[in-house]
Amino acid sequence: MNAQDYQAPPAVNRVQRAGLLVGGIALLLAIPGALSSPEKFYHSYIFSYMLVFGLTVGSLGLLMLQHLTGGNWGIIIRRPLEAASRNIWLVLVMFIPIVLGMKTLYRAWLDPERLKEEPLSKFQQGYLTSGGFLGRAVLYFAIWFLLMWLFNTWSRQQDERKQDPQIQRRFKSLSGPGVILYILLTTFAAIDWVMSLSPHWASTIYGFIFVGAQAIATMCVMIIVIVLLSGSEPLAGIIQKRHLHDLGKWLFTFNILFRSIERASLADGVPSQSLCSCSAFPCRSSFCCPAK
């Protein structure tokens, strides 16, 4: 079998076109809201953005975890994970409105008048700057792009040279540091983009909550994708109950991890209302749970 034999079924293209249509209509409807009430628009936008961001970067994290563990559990979701990770360029494009709305979103530390009323610590004043915010974002995306490109490029090379052990060693050698980088970058991104909405409140575990939430959300999407594709070629007859059992066990593990993080966050001062269970993503701002 060649690469063409493993193409997604035509139904996927129809779903993609429908998604683009719905997204285009939603974009047109969002423009009047952005003009009439920019503060509500940008708060809603970053909330939705973190979900899409989490599914994309979370797919890259799960992909590296699969290469690191070498288990059979991840083989059937490896292609969907790779495909999802390649959307990082789209996540970068979607970050542009956040840059344009910085003065609205992060008024608490960008507005001089607000800073006079509620001053920040010296460390916060040095860390929370527009230049530092943008510079760190460039660094985050550069590393994510590099990891995505390497793993997808090596995967194509492995398809061409199936018996080359050097490629598998590359995967394992990079996956360990890659998982660490993924956790660190996601943590700092959550602090920069979300926790800084309320700069007078802080939590040492806040960023790791996003890591656990991304693992749950990404695994849920992968299970849904595999189940939907199992009735069509090339996965028809390949997906068995044991495959779904393996993925279900990982999802259960991620849920236990997230609950443990949630309990730890209560000791760290994160109110339970800030864990927005409707989307499995935490938030700490006026549109979800106002800081007191």
C-alpha atoms as a PDB file:
ATOM      1  CA  MET A   1       0.000   0.000   0.000  1.00  0.00           C
ATOM      2  CA  ASN A   2       1.186   3.527  -0.735  1.00  0.00           C
ATOM      3  CA  ALA A   3       0.450   6.881   0.831  1.00  0.00           C
ATOM      4  CA  GLN A   4      -2.587   7.396  -1.396  1.00  0.00           C
ATOM      5  CA  ASP A   5      -4.201   4.311   0.126  1.00  0.00           C
ATOM      6  CA  TYR A   6      -4.228   6.014   3.509  1.00  0.00           C
ATOM      7  CA  GLN A   7      -6.033   9.190   2.476  1.00  0.00           C
ATOM      8  CA  ALA A   8      -9.035  10.261   4.546  1.00  0.00           C
ATOM      9  CA  PRO A   9     -12.461   9.275   3.137  1.00  0.00           C
ATOM     10  CA  PRO A  10     -14.429  11.828   1.041  1.00  0.00           C
ATOM     11  CA  ALA A  11     -16.786  12.465   3.978  1.00  0.00           C
ATOM     12  CA  VAL A  12     -13.949  14.272   5.758  1.00  0.00           C
ATOM     13  CA  ASN A  13     -13.747  16.808   2.925  1.00  0.00           C
ATOM     14  CA  ARG A  14     -17.468  17.478   3.234  1.00  0.00           C
ATOM     15  CA  VAL A  15     -17.137  18.064   6.964  1.00  0.00           C
ATOM     16  CA  GLN A  16     -14.192  20.370   6.317  1.00  0.00           C
ATOM     17  CA  ARG A  17     -16.147  22.446   3.823  1.00  0.00           C
ATOM     18  CA  ALA A  18     -19.103  22.666   6.195  1.00  0.00           C
ATOM     19  CA  GLY A  19     -16.762  23.771   8.993  1.00  0.00           C
ATOM     20  CA  LEU A  20     -15.272  26.482   6.819  1.00  0.00           C
ATOM     21  CA  LEU A  21     -18.759  27.705   5.916  1.00  0.00           C
ATOM     22  CA  VAL A  22     -19.883  27.833   9.556  1.00  0.00           C
ATOM     23  CA  GLY A  23     -16.640  29.530  10.561  1.00  0.00           C
ATOM     24  CA  GLY A  24     -17.024  32.147   7.828  1.00  0.00           C
ATOM     25  CA  ILE A  25     -20.586  32.946   8.891  1.00  0.00           C
ATOM     26  CA  ALA A  26     -19.542  33.160  12.548  1.00  0.00           C
ATOM     27  CA  LEU A  27     -16.725  35.539  11.604  1.00  0.00           C
ATOM     28  CA  LEU A  28     -19.144  37.857   9.818  1.00  0.00           C
ATOM     29  CA  LEU A  29     -21.495  37.807  12.800  1.00  0.00           C
ATOM     30  CA  ALA A  30     -18.628  38.535  15.200  1.00  0.00           C
ATOM     31  CA  ILE A  31     -17.517  41.714  13.438  1.00  0.00           C
ATOM     32  CA  PRO A  32     -20.482  43.865  14.614  1.00  0.00           C
ATOM     33  CA  GLY A  33     -19.928  42.595  18.161  1.00  0.00           C
ATOM     34  CA  ALA A  34     -16.262  43.511  18.032  1.00  0.00           C
ATOM     35  CA  LEU A  35     -17.119  47.031  16.921  1.00  0.00           C
ATOM     36  CA  SER A  36     -19.969  47.634  19.372  1.00  0.00           C
ATOM     37  CA  SER A  37     -18.495  45.961  22.475  1.00  0.00           C
ATOM     38  CA  PRO A  38     -14.775  45.263  22.052  1.00  0.00           C
ATOM     39  CA  GLU A  39     -14.179  44.282  25.701  1.00  0.00           C
ATOM     40  CA  LYS A  40     -16.791  41.512  25.657  1.00  0.00           C
ATOM     41  CA  PHE A  41     -15.676  40.431  22.198  1.00  0.00           C
ATOM     42  CA  TYR A  42     -12.006  40.039  23.093  1.00  0.00           C
ATOM     43  CA  HIS A  43     -12.752  38.244  26.352  1.00  0.00           C
ATOM     44  CA  SER A  44     -15.004  35.815  24.507  1.00  0.00           C
ATOM     45  CA  TYR A  45     -12.446  35.458  21.738  1.00  0.00           C
ATOM     46  CA  ILE A  46      -9.527  34.512  23.967  1.00  0.00           C
ATOM     47  CA  PHE A  47     -11.719  31.993  25.790  1.00  0.00           C
ATOM     48  CA  SER A  48     -12.542  30.279  22.482  1.00  0.00           C
ATOM     49  CA  TYR A  49      -8.987  30.692  21.240  1.00  0.00           C
ATOM     50  CA  MET A  50      -7.547  28.767  24.174  1.00  0.00           C
ATOM     51  CA  LEU A  51      -9.771  25.810  23.293  1.00  0.00           C
ATOM     52  CA  VAL A  52      -8.571  25.664  19.670  1.00  0.00           C
ATOM     53  CA  PHE A  53      -5.012  26.335  20.799  1.00  0.00           C
ATOM     54  CA  GLY A  54      -5.258  23.533  23.355  1.00  0.00           C
ATOM     55  CA  LEU A  55      -6.454  20.949  20.827  1.00  0.00           C
ATOM     56  CA  THR A  56      -3.621  21.835  18.440  1.00  0.00           C
ATOM     57  CA  VAL A  57      -0.741  22.020  20.893  1.00  0.00           C
ATOM     58  CA  GLY A  58      -2.230  19.183  22.942  1.00  0.00           C
ATOM     59  CA  SER A  59      -2.095  16.971  19.848  1.00  0.00           C
ATOM     60  CA  LEU A  60       1.605  17.738  19.538  1.00  0.00           C
ATOM     61  CA  GLY A  61       2.071  16.847  23.202  1.00  0.00           C
ATOM     62  CA  LEU A  62       0.235  13.515  22.858  1.00  0.00           C
ATOM     63  CA  LEU A  63       2.193  12.749  19.691  1.00  0.00           C
ATOM     64  CA  MET A  64       5.477  13.173  21.551  1.00  0.00           C
ATOM     65  CA  LEU A  65       4.136  11.115  24.468  1.00  0.00           C
ATOM     66  CA  GLN A  66       3.307   8.273  22.074  1.00  0.00           C
ATOM     67  CA  HIS A  67       6.799   8.292  20.581  1.00  0.00           C
ATOM     68  CA  LEU A  68       8.316   8.456  24.065  1.00  0.00           C
ATOM     69  CA  THR A  69       6.370   5.495  25.468  1.00  0.00           C
ATOM     70  CA  GLY A  70       6.454   3.487  22.246  1.00  0.00           C
ATOM     71  CA  GLY A  71       3.131   1.827  23.065  1.00  0.00           C
ATOM     72  CA  ASN A  72       0.707   0.431  20.522  1.00  0.00           C
ATOM     73  CA  TRP A  73      -2.052   2.586  21.995  1.00  0.00           C
ATOM     74  CA  GLY A  74      -1.012   5.615  19.973  1.00  0.00           C
ATOM     75  CA  ILE A  75      -0.390   4.073  16.575  1.00  0.00           C
ATOM     76  CA  ILE A  76      -3.994   4.354  15.411  1.00  0.00           C
ATOM     77  CA  ILE A  77      -4.252   8.024  16.434  1.00  0.00           C
ATOM     78  CA  ARG A  78      -0.776   9.003  15.265  1.00  0.00           C
ATOM     79  CA  ARG A  79      -1.922  10.326  11.864  1.00  0.00           C
ATOM     80  CA  PRO A  80      -4.808  12.380  13.313  1.00  0.00           C
ATOM     81  CA  LEU A  81      -2.412  13.779  15.931  1.00  0.00           C
ATOM     82  CA  GLU A  82       0.073  14.759  13.233  1.00  0.00           C
ATOM     83  CA  ALA A  83      -2.669  16.349  11.156  1.00  0.00           C
ATOM     84  CA  ALA A  84      -3.955  18.314  14.152  1.00  0.00           C
ATOM     85  CA  SER A  85      -0.456  19.501  15.059  1.00  0.00           C
ATOM     86  CA  ARG A  86      -0.017  20.936  11.567  1.00  0.00           C
ATOM     87  CA  ASN A  87      -2.753  23.462  12.365  1.00  0.00           C
ATOM     88  CA  ILE A  88      -0.262  25.428  14.458  1.00  0.00           C
ATOM     89  CA  TRP A  89       0.059  27.940  11.604  1.00  0.00           C
ATOM     90  CA  LEU A  90      -3.706  28.562  11.841  1.00  0.00           C
ATOM     91  CA  VAL A  91      -3.422  29.042  15.606  1.00  0.00           C
ATOM     92  CA  LEU A  92      -0.705  31.622  14.926  1.00  0.00           C
ATOM     93  CA  VAL A  93      -2.983  33.499  12.500  1.00  0.00           C
ATOM     94  CA  MET A  94      -5.790  33.394  15.054  1.00  0.00           C
ATOM     95  CA  PHE A  95      -3.438  34.976  17.595  1.00  0.00           C
ATOM     96  CA  ILE A  96      -3.412  38.225  15.595  1.00  0.00           C
ATOM     97  CA  PRO A  97      -6.730  39.529  17.054  1.00  0.00           C
ATOM     98  CA  ILE A  98      -5.304  39.011  20.547  1.00  0.00           C
ATOM     99  CA  VAL A  99      -2.318  41.169  19.606  1.00  0.00           C
ATOM    100  CA  LEU A 100      -4.625  43.805  18.143  1.00  0.00           C
ATOM    101  CA  GLY A 101      -6.797  43.767  21.264  1.00  0.00           C
ATOM    102  CA  MET A 102      -3.993  43.836  23.830  1.00  0.00           C
ATOM    103  CA  LYS A 103      -4.906  47.283  25.138  1.00  0.00           C
ATOM    104  CA  THR A 104      -8.447  46.083  25.751  1.00  0.00           C
ATOM    105  CA  LEU A 105      -7.668  42.625  27.132  1.00  0.00           C
ATOM    106  CA  TYR A 106      -4.678  43.539  29.279  1.00  0.00           C
ATOM    107  CA  ARG A 107      -5.705  47.013  30.375  1.00  0.00           C
ATOM    108  CA  ALA A 108      -4.853  46.110  33.960  1.00  0.00           C
ATOM    109  CA  TRP A 109      -1.117  46.268  33.187  1.00  0.00           C
ATOM    110  CA  LEU A 110      -1.009  48.291  29.960  1.00  0.00           C
ATOM    111  CA  ASP A 111      -3.100  51.261  31.068  1.00  0.00           C
ATOM    112  CA  PRO A 112      -0.957  53.774  33.042  1.00  0.00           C
ATOM    113  CA  GLU A 113      -4.031  55.118  34.842  1.00  0.00           C
ATOM    114  CA  ARG A 114      -5.012  51.634  36.038  1.00  0.00           C
ATOM    115  CA  LEU A 115      -1.452  51.015  37.200  1.00  0.00           C
ATOM    116  CA  LYS A 116      -1.560  54.171  39.319  1.00  0.00           C
ATOM    117  CA  GLU A 117      -4.740  52.966  41.007  1.00  0.00           C
ATOM    118  CA  GLU A 118      -3.613  49.339  41.368  1.00  0.00           C
ATOM    119  CA  PRO A 119       0.191  49.198  41.126  1.00  0.00           C
ATOM    120  CA  LEU A 120       2.026  45.976  40.370  1.00  0.00           C
ATOM    121  CA  SER A 121       5.140  44.561  41.980  1.00  0.00           C
ATOM    122  CA  LYS A 122       8.535  45.349  40.491  1.00  0.00           C
ATOM    123  CA  PHE A 123       8.788  41.865  39.031  1.00  0.00           C
ATOM    124  CA  GLN A 124       5.367  42.149  37.397  1.00  0.00           C
ATOM    125  CA  GLN A 125       6.242  45.562  36.000  1.00  0.00           C
ATOM    126  CA  GLY A 126       9.315  44.079  34.343  1.00  0.00           C
ATOM    127  CA  TYR A 127       7.572  40.926  33.145  1.00  0.00           C
ATOM    128  CA  LEU A 128       4.186  42.264  32.030  1.00  0.00           C
ATOM    129  CA  THR A 129       5.181  44.564  29.166  1.00  0.00           C
ATOM    130  CA  SER A 130       3.904  44.645  25.606  1.00  0.00           C
ATOM    131  CA  GLY A 131       7.381  43.904  24.242  1.00  0.00           C
ATOM    132  CA  GLY A 132       7.911  40.984  26.595  1.00  0.00           C
ATOM    133  CA  PHE A 133       4.429  39.624  25.844  1.00  0.00           C
ATOM    134  CA  LEU A 134       5.018  39.650  22.081  1.00  0.00           C
ATOM    135  CA  GLY A 135       8.606  38.436  22.336  1.00  0.00           C
ATOM    136  CA  ARG A 136       7.645  35.424  24.437  1.00  0.00           C
ATOM    137  CA  ALA A 137       4.753  34.625  22.085  1.00  0.00           C
ATOM    138  CA  VAL A 138       7.181  34.604  19.133  1.00  0.00           C
ATOM    139  CA  LEU A 139       9.437  32.226  21.073  1.00  0.00           C
ATOM    140  CA  TYR A 140       6.554  29.919  21.984  1.00  0.00           C
ATOM    141  CA  PHE A 141       5.321  29.611  18.409  1.00  0.00           C
ATOM    142  CA  ALA A 142       8.839  29.221  17.007  1.00  0.00           C
ATOM    143  CA  ILE A 143       9.486  26.196  19.246  1.00  0.00           C
ATOM    144  CA  TRP A 144       6.072  24.692  18.550  1.00  0.00           C
ATOM    145  CA  PHE A 145       6.605  25.139  14.809  1.00  0.00           C
ATOM    146  CA  LEU A 146      10.029  23.496  15.026  1.00  0.00           C
ATOM    147  CA  LEU A 147       8.728  20.497  16.987  1.00  0.00           C
ATOM    148  CA  MET A 148       5.753  20.094  14.640  1.00  0.00           C
ATOM    149  CA  TRP A 149       7.961  20.288  11.554  1.00  0.00           C
ATOM    150  CA  LEU A 150      10.501  17.783  12.868  1.00  0.00           C
ATOM    151  CA  PHE A 151       7.982  15.153  13.925  1.00  0.00           C
ATOM    152  CA  ASN A 152       5.943  15.423  10.730  1.00  0.00           C
ATOM    153  CA  THR A 153       9.055  15.400   8.522  1.00  0.00           C
ATOM    154  CA  TRP A 154      10.528  12.364  10.270  1.00  0.00           C
ATOM    155  CA  SER A 155       7.168  10.621  10.018  1.00  0.00           C
ATOM    156  CA  ARG A 156       7.169  11.018   6.224  1.00  0.00           C
ATOM    157  CA  GLN A 157      10.740   9.754   6.098  1.00  0.00           C
ATOM    158  CA  GLN A 158       9.738   6.737   8.164  1.00  0.00           C
ATOM    159  CA  ASP A 159       6.985   5.940   5.632  1.00  0.00           C
ATOM    160  CA  GLU A 160       9.632   5.838   2.918  1.00  0.00           C
ATOM    161  CA  ARG A 161      12.261   3.975   4.963  1.00  0.00           C
ATOM    162  CA  LYS A 162      10.280   1.675   7.238  1.00  0.00           C
ATOM    163  CA  GLN A 163      13.281  -0.399   8.315  1.00  0.00           C
ATOM    164  CA  ASP A 164      15.514   2.535   9.262  1.00  0.00           C
ATOM    165  CA  PRO A 165      16.088   2.353  13.059  1.00  0.00           C
ATOM    166  CA  GLN A 166      17.769   5.764  13.058  1.00  0.00           C
ATOM    167  CA  ILE A 167      14.437   7.533  12.533  1.00  0.00           C
ATOM    168  CA  GLN A 168      12.856   5.819  15.531  1.00  0.00           C
ATOM    169  CA  ARG A 169      15.834   6.801  17.660  1.00  0.00           C
ATOM    170  CA  ARG A 170      15.338  10.408  16.559  1.00  0.00           C
ATOM    171  CA  PHE A 171      11.728  10.276  17.705  1.00  0.00           C
ATOM    172  CA  LYS A 172      12.650   8.951  21.137  1.00  0.00           C
ATOM    173  CA  SER A 173      15.614  11.293  21.572  1.00  0.00           C
ATOM    174  CA  LEU A 174      13.511  14.394  20.923  1.00  0.00           C
ATOM    175  CA  SER A 175      10.254  13.259  22.541  1.00  0.00           C
ATOM    176  CA  GLY A 176      11.601  13.423  26.108  1.00  0.00           C
ATOM    177  CA  PRO A 177      12.873  17.024  25.915  1.00  0.00           C
ATOM    178  CA  GLY A 178       9.910  17.845  23.670  1.00  0.00           C
ATOM    179  CA  VAL A 179       7.360  16.846  26.320  1.00  0.00           C
ATOM    180  CA  ILE A 180       9.186  18.980  28.891  1.00  0.00           C
ATOM    181  CA  LEU A 181       9.222  21.927  26.478  1.00  0.00           C
ATOM    182  CA  TYR A 182       5.523  21.420  25.748  1.00  0.00           C
ATOM    183  CA  ILE A 183       4.631  21.569  29.452  1.00  0.00           C
ATOM    184  CA  LEU A 184       6.827  24.611  30.107  1.00  0.00           C
ATOM    185  CA  LEU A 185       5.644  26.551  27.058  1.00  0.00           C
ATOM    186  CA  THR A 186       1.984  25.778  27.717  1.00  0.00           C
ATOM    187  CA  THR A 187       2.412  26.865  31.332  1.00  0.00           C
ATOM    188  CA  PHE A 188       4.018  30.189  30.420  1.00  0.00           C
ATOM    189  CA  ALA A 189       1.533  30.779  27.589  1.00  0.00           C
ATOM    190  CA  ALA A 190      -1.368  30.278  30.014  1.00  0.00           C
ATOM    191  CA  ILE A 191       0.233  32.716  32.454  1.00  0.00           C
ATOM    192  CA  ASP A 192       0.895  35.324  29.748  1.00  0.00           C
ATOM    193  CA  TRP A 193      -2.369  35.080  27.873  1.00  0.00           C
ATOM    194  CA  VAL A 194      -4.944  34.203  30.535  1.00  0.00           C
ATOM    195  CA  MET A 195      -3.716  34.592  34.103  1.00  0.00           C
ATOM    196  CA  SER A 196      -2.384  38.071  33.330  1.00  0.00           C
ATOM    197  CA  LEU A 197      -5.968  39.184  32.702  1.00  0.00           C
ATOM    198  CA  SER A 198      -6.066  39.554  36.492  1.00  0.00           C
ATOM    199  CA  PRO A 199      -2.455  40.448  37.323  1.00  0.00           C
ATOM    200  CA  HIS A 200      -3.119  40.954  41.025  1.00  0.00           C
ATOM    201  CA  TRP A 201      -3.990  37.274  41.402  1.00  0.00           C
ATOM    202  CA  ALA A 202      -1.515  34.441  40.878  1.00  0.00           C
ATOM    203  CA  SER A 203      -1.277  30.664  41.152  1.00  0.00           C
ATOM    204  CA  THR A 204       1.764  28.415  40.817  1.00  0.00           C
ATOM    205  CA  ILE A 205      -0.273  25.537  39.393  1.00  0.00           C
ATOM    206  CA  TYR A 206      -2.466  27.547  37.043  1.00  0.00           C
ATOM    207  CA  GLY A 207      -0.508  26.774  33.872  1.00  0.00           C
ATOM    208  CA  PHE A 208      -0.406  23.036  34.553  1.00  0.00           C
ATOM    209  CA  ILE A 209      -4.204  23.016  34.741  1.00  0.00           C
ATOM    210  CA  PHE A 210      -4.155  23.813  31.026  1.00  0.00           C
ATOM    211  CA  VAL A 211      -1.814  20.893  30.350  1.00  0.00           C
ATOM    212  CA  GLY A 212      -4.221  18.450  31.994  1.00  0.00           C
ATOM    213  CA  ALA A 213      -7.226  20.000  30.270  1.00  0.00           C
ATOM    214  CA  GLN A 214      -5.515  19.791  26.872  1.00  0.00           C
ATOM    215  CA  ALA A 215      -4.761  16.107  27.386  1.00  0.00           C
ATOM    216  CA  ILE A 216      -8.414  15.361  28.145  1.00  0.00           C
ATOM    217  CA  ALA A 217      -9.841  17.472  25.315  1.00  0.00           C
ATOM    218  CA  THR A 218      -7.365  16.155  22.728  1.00  0.00           C
ATOM    219  CA  MET A 219      -7.881  12.504  23.649  1.00  0.00           C
ATOM    220  CA  CYS A 220     -11.672  12.993  23.476  1.00  0.00           C
ATOM    221  CA  VAL A 221     -11.376  14.445  19.966  1.00  0.00           C
ATOM    222  CA  MET A 222      -9.048  11.633  18.866  1.00  0.00           C
ATOM    223  CA  ILE A 223     -11.473   8.970  20.110  1.00  0.00           C
ATOM    224  CA  ILE A 224     -14.347  10.655  18.269  1.00  0.00           C
ATOM    225  CA  VAL A 225     -12.285  10.897  15.067  1.00  0.00           C
ATOM    226  CA  ILE A 226     -11.226   7.247  15.212  1.00  0.00           C
ATOM    227  CA  VAL A 227     -14.782   6.026  15.860  1.00  0.00           C
ATOM    228  CA  LEU A 228     -16.135   8.083  12.943  1.00  0.00           C
ATOM    229  CA  LEU A 229     -13.389   6.888  10.590  1.00  0.00           C
ATOM    230  CA  SER A 230     -13.627   3.241  11.652  1.00  0.00           C
ATOM    231  CA  GLY A 231     -16.527   2.633   9.271  1.00  0.00           C
ATOM    232  CA  SER A 232     -14.577   3.755   6.186  1.00  0.00           C
ATOM    233  CA  GLU A 233     -11.356   2.741   4.483  1.00  0.00           C
ATOM    234  CA  PRO A 234      -8.523   2.574   5.335  1.00  0.00           C
ATOM    235  CA  LEU A 235      -9.487   1.985   8.979  1.00  0.00           C
ATOM    236  CA  ALA A 236     -12.476  -0.276   8.311  1.00  0.00           C
ATOM    237  CA  GLY A 237     -11.741  -3.665   9.845  1.00  0.00           C
ATOM    238  CA  ILE A 238      -8.586  -2.393  11.568  1.00  0.00           C
ATOM    239  CA  ILE A 239     -10.055  -0.644  14.600  1.00  0.00           C
ATOM    240  CA  GLN A 240     -10.943  -3.168  17.276  1.00  0.00           C
ATOM    241  CA  LYS A 241     -12.385  -2.957  20.771  1.00  0.00           C
ATOM    242  CA  ARG A 242      -8.951  -3.282  22.339  1.00  0.00           C
ATOM    243  CA  HIS A 243      -7.832  -0.114  20.566  1.00  0.00           C
ATOM    244  CA  LEU A 244     -10.737   1.862  22.006  1.00  0.00           C
ATOM    245  CA  HIS A 245     -10.162   0.273  25.413  1.00  0.00           C
ATOM    246  CA  ASP A 246      -6.559   1.490  25.371  1.00  0.00           C
ATOM    247  CA  LEU A 247      -7.594   5.031  24.458  1.00  0.00           C
ATOM    248  CA  GLY A 248     -10.350   4.946  27.069  1.00  0.00           C
ATOM    249  CA  LYS A 249      -7.839   3.955  29.750  1.00  0.00           C
ATOM    250  CA  TRP A 250      -5.618   6.876  28.801  1.00  0.00           C
ATOM    251  CA  LEU A 251      -8.610   9.213  28.939  1.00  0.00           C
ATOM    252  CA  PHE A 252      -9.472   7.868  32.383  1.00  0.00           C
ATOM    253  CA  THR A 253      -5.874   8.449  33.479  1.00  0.00           C
ATOM    254  CA  PHE A 254      -5.942  12.022  32.212  1.00  0.00           C
ATOM    255  CA  ASN A 255      -9.183  12.652  34.088  1.00  0.00           C
ATOM    256  CA  ILE A 256      -7.644  11.392  37.322  1.00  0.00           C
ATOM    257  CA  LEU A 257      -4.624  13.632  36.690  1.00  0.00           C
ATOM    258  CA  PHE A 258      -6.864  16.643  36.092  1.00  0.00           C
ATOM    259  CA  ARG A 259      -8.896  15.967  39.240  1.00  0.00           C
ATOM    260  CA  SER A 260      -5.651  15.755  41.212  1.00  0.00           C
ATOM    261  CA  ILE A 261      -4.535  19.083  39.738  1.00  0.00           C
ATOM    262  CA  GLU A 262      -7.923  20.566  40.616  1.00  0.00           C
ATOM    263  CA  ARG A 263      -7.598  19.486  44.245  1.00  0.00           C
ATOM    264  CA  ALA A 264      -4.075  20.903  44.380  1.00  0.00           C
ATOM    265  CA  SER A 265      -5.326  24.147  42.866  1.00  0.00           C
ATOM    266  CA  LEU A 266      -7.803  24.581  45.722  1.00  0.00           C
ATOM    267  CA  ALA A 267      -4.895  24.529  48.156  1.00  0.00           C
ATOM    268  CA  ASP A 268      -3.146  27.044  45.899  1.00  0.00           C
ATOM    269  CA  GLY A 269      -6.053  29.452  46.072  1.00  0.00           C
ATOM    270  CA  VAL A 270      -7.755  28.755  42.734  1.00  0.00           C
ATOM    271  CA  PRO A 271     -11.526  28.934  43.290  1.00  0.00           C
ATOM    272  CA  SER A 272     -13.469  26.008  41.886  1.00  0.00           C
ATOM    273  CA  GLN A 273     -15.559  28.388  39.767  1.00  0.00           C
ATOM    274  CA  SER A 274     -12.446  29.198  37.737  1.00  0.00           C
ATOM    275  CA  LEU A 275     -12.320  25.650  36.377  1.00  0.00           C
ATOM    276  CA  CYS A 276     -14.867  26.078  33.629  1.00  0.00           C
ATOM    277  CA  SER A 277     -16.054  22.503  33.239  1.00  0.00           C
ATOM    278  CA  CYS A 278     -18.204  23.364  30.232  1.00  0.00           C
ATOM    279  CA  SER A 279     -15.091  23.558  28.076  1.00  0.00           C
ATOM    280  CA  ALA A 280     -12.545  21.806  30.308  1.00  0.00           C
ATOM    281  CA  PHE A 281     -10.451  24.974  30.238  1.00  0.00           C
ATOM    282  CA  PRO A 282      -9.801  27.208  33.223  1.00  0.00           C
ATOM    283  CA  CYS A 283     -10.279  30.936  33.088  1.00  0.00           C
ATOM    284  CA  ARG A 284      -9.684  33.763  35.454  1.00  0.00           C
ATOM    285  CA  SER A 285     -11.231  36.962  34.227  1.00  0.00           C
ATOM    286  CA  SER A 286     -14.323  39.104  34.478  1.00  0.00           C
ATOM    287  CA  PHE A 287     -16.232  37.158  31.834  1.00  0.00           C
ATOM    288  CA  CYS A 288     -15.999  33.884  33.779  1.00  0.00           C
ATOM    289  CA  CYS A 289     -15.346  34.476  37.433  1.00  0.00           C
ATOM    290  CA  PRO A 290     -14.409  37.979  38.492  1.00  0.00           C
ATOM    291  CA  ALA A 291     -11.370  38.255  40.731  1.00  0.00           C
ATOM    292  CA  LYS A 292     -12.171  39.629  44.157  1.00  0.00           C
END
